[in-house]
Amino acid sequence: MRGLHVGRPPVLPVDKKLGLVVRVMSGELTAAEAAREAGVSEQSVSNWRRQFIEGGRNGLAGESGKDTGEASRVAELSQENAMLKTMIAELYMELRKYGRSAAVRPPQPRGKTRPGRLVN
């Protein structure tokens, strides 16, 4: 059983995968021939073809290759970002209203006397 490659094949560059998928889709190669050329399984070539078609479908649907879960997460984060920016602006205005000195100085402890001071 010498010469058998066991385990995961090396990762091919995207351009190489794309070239093979286009050749398979155009009929120039079969999936089996493309798999032999790349040193991968036919299943890998079929997966690349499926991913290529799904990416094209998503691009035509205006999703720019993002799945709907990712697109909704981006929208959610954008909304949260806008809310946080508004909160920061409001807090900044509150600090300006009370003056910078209150924001810069730490609060002084109350009810304690310093050593050496006389209390009347």
C-alpha atoms as a PDB file:
ATOM      1  CA  MET A   1       0.000   0.000   0.000  1.00  0.00           C
ATOM      2  CA  ARG A   2       2.828   2.303  -0.712  1.00  0.00           C
ATOM      3  CA  GLY A   3       2.090   5.624  -2.314  1.00  0.00           C
ATOM      4  CA  LEU A   4      -1.392   5.949  -0.844  1.00  0.00           C
ATOM      5  CA  HIS A   5      -2.010   9.360   0.588  1.00  0.00           C
ATOM      6  CA  VAL A   6      -3.936   9.022   3.833  1.00  0.00           C
ATOM      7  CA  GLY A   7      -5.354  12.074   5.536  1.00  0.00           C
ATOM      8  CA  ARG A   8      -6.321  15.484   4.384  1.00  0.00           C
ATOM      9  CA  PRO A   9      -4.924  16.659   1.034  1.00  0.00           C
ATOM     10  CA  PRO A  10      -3.038  19.946   0.911  1.00  0.00           C
ATOM     11  CA  VAL A  11      -5.116  23.092   0.622  1.00  0.00           C
ATOM     12  CA  LEU A  12      -5.260  24.357  -2.948  1.00  0.00           C
ATOM     13  CA  PRO A  13      -5.198  28.055  -3.770  1.00  0.00           C
ATOM     14  CA  VAL A  14      -8.572  29.568  -4.644  1.00  0.00           C
ATOM     15  CA  ASP A  15      -7.459  30.295  -8.212  1.00  0.00           C
ATOM     16  CA  LYS A  16      -6.591  26.629  -8.791  1.00  0.00           C
ATOM     17  CA  LYS A  17      -9.981  25.508  -7.416  1.00  0.00           C
ATOM     18  CA  LEU A  18     -11.784  28.088  -9.540  1.00  0.00           C
ATOM     19  CA  GLY A  19      -9.943  26.978 -12.673  1.00  0.00           C
ATOM     20  CA  LEU A  20     -10.857  23.355 -12.071  1.00  0.00           C
ATOM     21  CA  VAL A  21     -14.512  24.170 -11.333  1.00  0.00           C
ATOM     22  CA  VAL A  22     -14.837  26.259 -14.496  1.00  0.00           C
ATOM     23  CA  ARG A  23     -13.276  23.474 -16.571  1.00  0.00           C
ATOM     24  CA  VAL A  24     -15.673  20.924 -15.042  1.00  0.00           C
ATOM     25  CA  MET A  25     -18.695  23.163 -15.608  1.00  0.00           C
ATOM     26  CA  SER A  26     -17.687  23.842 -19.205  1.00  0.00           C
ATOM     27  CA  GLY A  27     -17.375  20.115 -19.868  1.00  0.00           C
ATOM     28  CA  GLU A  28     -13.644  20.224 -20.507  1.00  0.00           C
ATOM     29  CA  LEU A  29     -13.038  17.873 -17.551  1.00  0.00           C
ATOM     30  CA  THR A  30     -15.142  15.449 -15.572  1.00  0.00           C
ATOM     31  CA  ALA A  31     -15.226  15.748 -11.783  1.00  0.00           C
ATOM     32  CA  ALA A  32     -13.123  12.574 -11.564  1.00  0.00           C
ATOM     33  CA  GLU A  33     -10.477  13.983 -13.927  1.00  0.00           C
ATOM     34  CA  ALA A  34     -10.360  17.272 -12.024  1.00  0.00           C
ATOM     35  CA  ALA A  35     -10.027  15.382  -8.736  1.00  0.00           C
ATOM     36  CA  ARG A  36      -7.102  13.335 -10.084  1.00  0.00           C
ATOM     37  CA  GLU A  37      -5.407  16.470 -11.431  1.00  0.00           C
ATOM     38  CA  ALA A  38      -5.728  18.247  -8.081  1.00  0.00           C
ATOM     39  CA  GLY A  39      -4.993  15.192  -5.962  1.00  0.00           C
ATOM     40  CA  VAL A  40      -8.298  15.418  -4.092  1.00  0.00           C
ATOM     41  CA  SER A  41     -11.507  13.420  -3.930  1.00  0.00           C
ATOM     42  CA  GLU A  42     -14.395  13.793  -6.356  1.00  0.00           C
ATOM     43  CA  GLN A  43     -16.453  14.914  -3.364  1.00  0.00           C
ATOM     44  CA  SER A  44     -14.104  17.867  -2.880  1.00  0.00           C
ATOM     45  CA  VAL A  45     -14.536  18.916  -6.495  1.00  0.00           C
ATOM     46  CA  SER A  46     -18.325  18.570  -6.137  1.00  0.00           C
ATOM     47  CA  ASN A  47     -18.232  20.704  -2.980  1.00  0.00           C
ATOM     48  CA  TRP A  48     -16.212  23.403  -4.755  1.00  0.00           C
ATOM     49  CA  ARG A  49     -18.717  23.397  -7.628  1.00  0.00           C
ATOM     50  CA  ARG A  50     -21.653  23.692  -5.203  1.00  0.00           C
ATOM     51  CA  GLN A  51     -19.938  26.543  -3.302  1.00  0.00           C
ATOM     52  CA  PHE A  52     -19.200  28.324  -6.581  1.00  0.00           C
ATOM     53  CA  ILE A  53     -22.846  28.104  -7.659  1.00  0.00           C
ATOM     54  CA  GLU A  54     -24.140  29.225  -4.231  1.00  0.00           C
ATOM     55  CA  GLY A  55     -21.734  32.179  -4.232  1.00  0.00           C
ATOM     56  CA  GLY A  56     -22.978  33.230  -7.648  1.00  0.00           C
ATOM     57  CA  ARG A  57     -26.590  32.874  -6.553  1.00  0.00           C
ATOM     58  CA  ASN A  58     -25.960  34.979  -3.428  1.00  0.00           C
ATOM     59  CA  GLY A  59     -24.157  37.601  -5.485  1.00  0.00           C
ATOM     60  CA  LEU A  60     -27.070  37.879  -7.892  1.00  0.00           C
ATOM     61  CA  ALA A  61     -29.460  38.122  -4.960  1.00  0.00           C
ATOM     62  CA  GLY A  62     -27.532  41.166  -3.725  1.00  0.00           C
ATOM     63  CA  GLU A  63     -26.058  39.483  -0.682  1.00  0.00           C
ATOM     64  CA  SER A  64     -22.457  39.901  -1.871  1.00  0.00           C
ATOM     65  CA  GLY A  65     -21.556  36.409  -0.772  1.00  0.00           C
ATOM     66  CA  LYS A  66     -22.788  36.847   2.799  1.00  0.00           C
ATOM     67  CA  ASP A  67     -25.222  34.371   4.199  1.00  0.00           C
ATOM     68  CA  THR A  68     -28.393  35.770   5.727  1.00  0.00           C
ATOM     69  CA  GLY A  69     -27.203  35.059   9.276  1.00  0.00           C
ATOM     70  CA  GLU A  70     -24.053  37.083   8.757  1.00  0.00           C
ATOM     71  CA  ALA A  71     -25.965  39.913   7.068  1.00  0.00           C
ATOM     72  CA  SER A  72     -28.460  40.114   9.939  1.00  0.00           C
ATOM     73  CA  ARG A  73     -25.615  40.064  12.490  1.00  0.00           C
ATOM     74  CA  VAL A  74     -23.920  42.956  10.681  1.00  0.00           C
ATOM     75  CA  ALA A  75     -27.200  44.911  10.715  1.00  0.00           C
ATOM     76  CA  GLU A  76     -27.656  44.172  14.417  1.00  0.00           C
ATOM     77  CA  LEU A  77     -24.128  45.325  15.247  1.00  0.00           C
ATOM     78  CA  SER A  78     -24.556  48.495  13.192  1.00  0.00           C
ATOM     79  CA  GLN A  79     -27.719  49.324  15.101  1.00  0.00           C
ATOM     80  CA  GLU A  80     -26.000  48.666  18.448  1.00  0.00           C
ATOM     81  CA  ASN A  81     -23.045  50.800  17.370  1.00  0.00           C
ATOM     82  CA  ALA A  82     -25.346  53.718  16.534  1.00  0.00           C
ATOM     83  CA  MET A  83     -27.105  53.383  19.915  1.00  0.00           C
ATOM     84  CA  LEU A  84     -23.774  53.357  21.784  1.00  0.00           C
ATOM     85  CA  LYS A  85     -22.555  56.420  19.892  1.00  0.00           C
ATOM     86  CA  THR A  86     -25.744  58.242  20.897  1.00  0.00           C
ATOM     87  CA  MET A  87     -25.270  57.246  24.537  1.00  0.00           C
ATOM     88  CA  ILE A  88     -21.658  58.439  24.505  1.00  0.00           C
ATOM     89  CA  ALA A  89     -22.730  61.763  23.002  1.00  0.00           C
ATOM     90  CA  GLU A  90     -25.411  62.205  25.680  1.00  0.00           C
ATOM     91  CA  LEU A  91     -22.955  61.387  28.479  1.00  0.00           C
ATOM     92  CA  TYR A  92     -20.439  63.782  27.003  1.00  0.00           C
ATOM     93  CA  MET A  93     -23.044  66.559  26.995  1.00  0.00           C
ATOM     94  CA  GLU A  94     -23.908  65.797  30.637  1.00  0.00           C
ATOM     95  CA  LEU A  95     -20.244  66.089  31.600  1.00  0.00           C
ATOM     96  CA  ARG A  96     -19.951  69.370  29.731  1.00  0.00           C
ATOM     97  CA  LYS A  97     -23.061  70.645  31.514  1.00  0.00           C
ATOM     98  CA  TYR A  98     -21.543  70.050  34.954  1.00  0.00           C
ATOM     99  CA  GLY A  99     -18.112  71.275  33.984  1.00  0.00           C
ATOM    100  CA  ARG A 100     -14.852  69.581  33.298  1.00  0.00           C
ATOM    101  CA  SER A 101     -13.522  69.862  36.831  1.00  0.00           C
ATOM    102  CA  ALA A 102     -16.043  67.344  38.148  1.00  0.00           C
ATOM    103  CA  ALA A 103     -15.120  64.882  35.441  1.00  0.00           C
ATOM    104  CA  VAL A 104     -11.374  65.202  35.973  1.00  0.00           C
ATOM    105  CA  ARG A 105     -11.121  65.127  39.787  1.00  0.00           C
ATOM    106  CA  PRO A 106     -11.903  61.930  41.614  1.00  0.00           C
ATOM    107  CA  PRO A 107     -14.605  62.332  44.257  1.00  0.00           C
ATOM    108  CA  GLN A 108     -13.295  63.260  47.724  1.00  0.00           C
ATOM    109  CA  PRO A 109     -14.210  60.998  50.647  1.00  0.00           C
ATOM    110  CA  ARG A 110     -16.738  62.552  53.003  1.00  0.00           C
ATOM    111  CA  GLY A 111     -17.025  62.312  56.747  1.00  0.00           C
ATOM    112  CA  LYS A 112     -13.386  61.609  57.386  1.00  0.00           C
ATOM    113  CA  THR A 113     -10.912  64.021  58.849  1.00  0.00           C
ATOM    114  CA  ARG A 114      -7.327  64.234  57.849  1.00  0.00           C
ATOM    115  CA  PRO A 115      -4.668  63.675  60.501  1.00  0.00           C
ATOM    116  CA  GLY A 116      -3.426  66.912  61.959  1.00  0.00           C
ATOM    117  CA  ARG A 117      -6.622  68.857  61.268  1.00  0.00           C
ATOM    118  CA  LEU A 118      -8.670  70.210  64.087  1.00  0.00           C
ATOM    119  CA  VAL A 119     -12.356  69.604  64.056  1.00  0.00           C
ATOM    120  CA  ASN A 120     -14.589  72.167  65.756  1.00  0.00           C
END
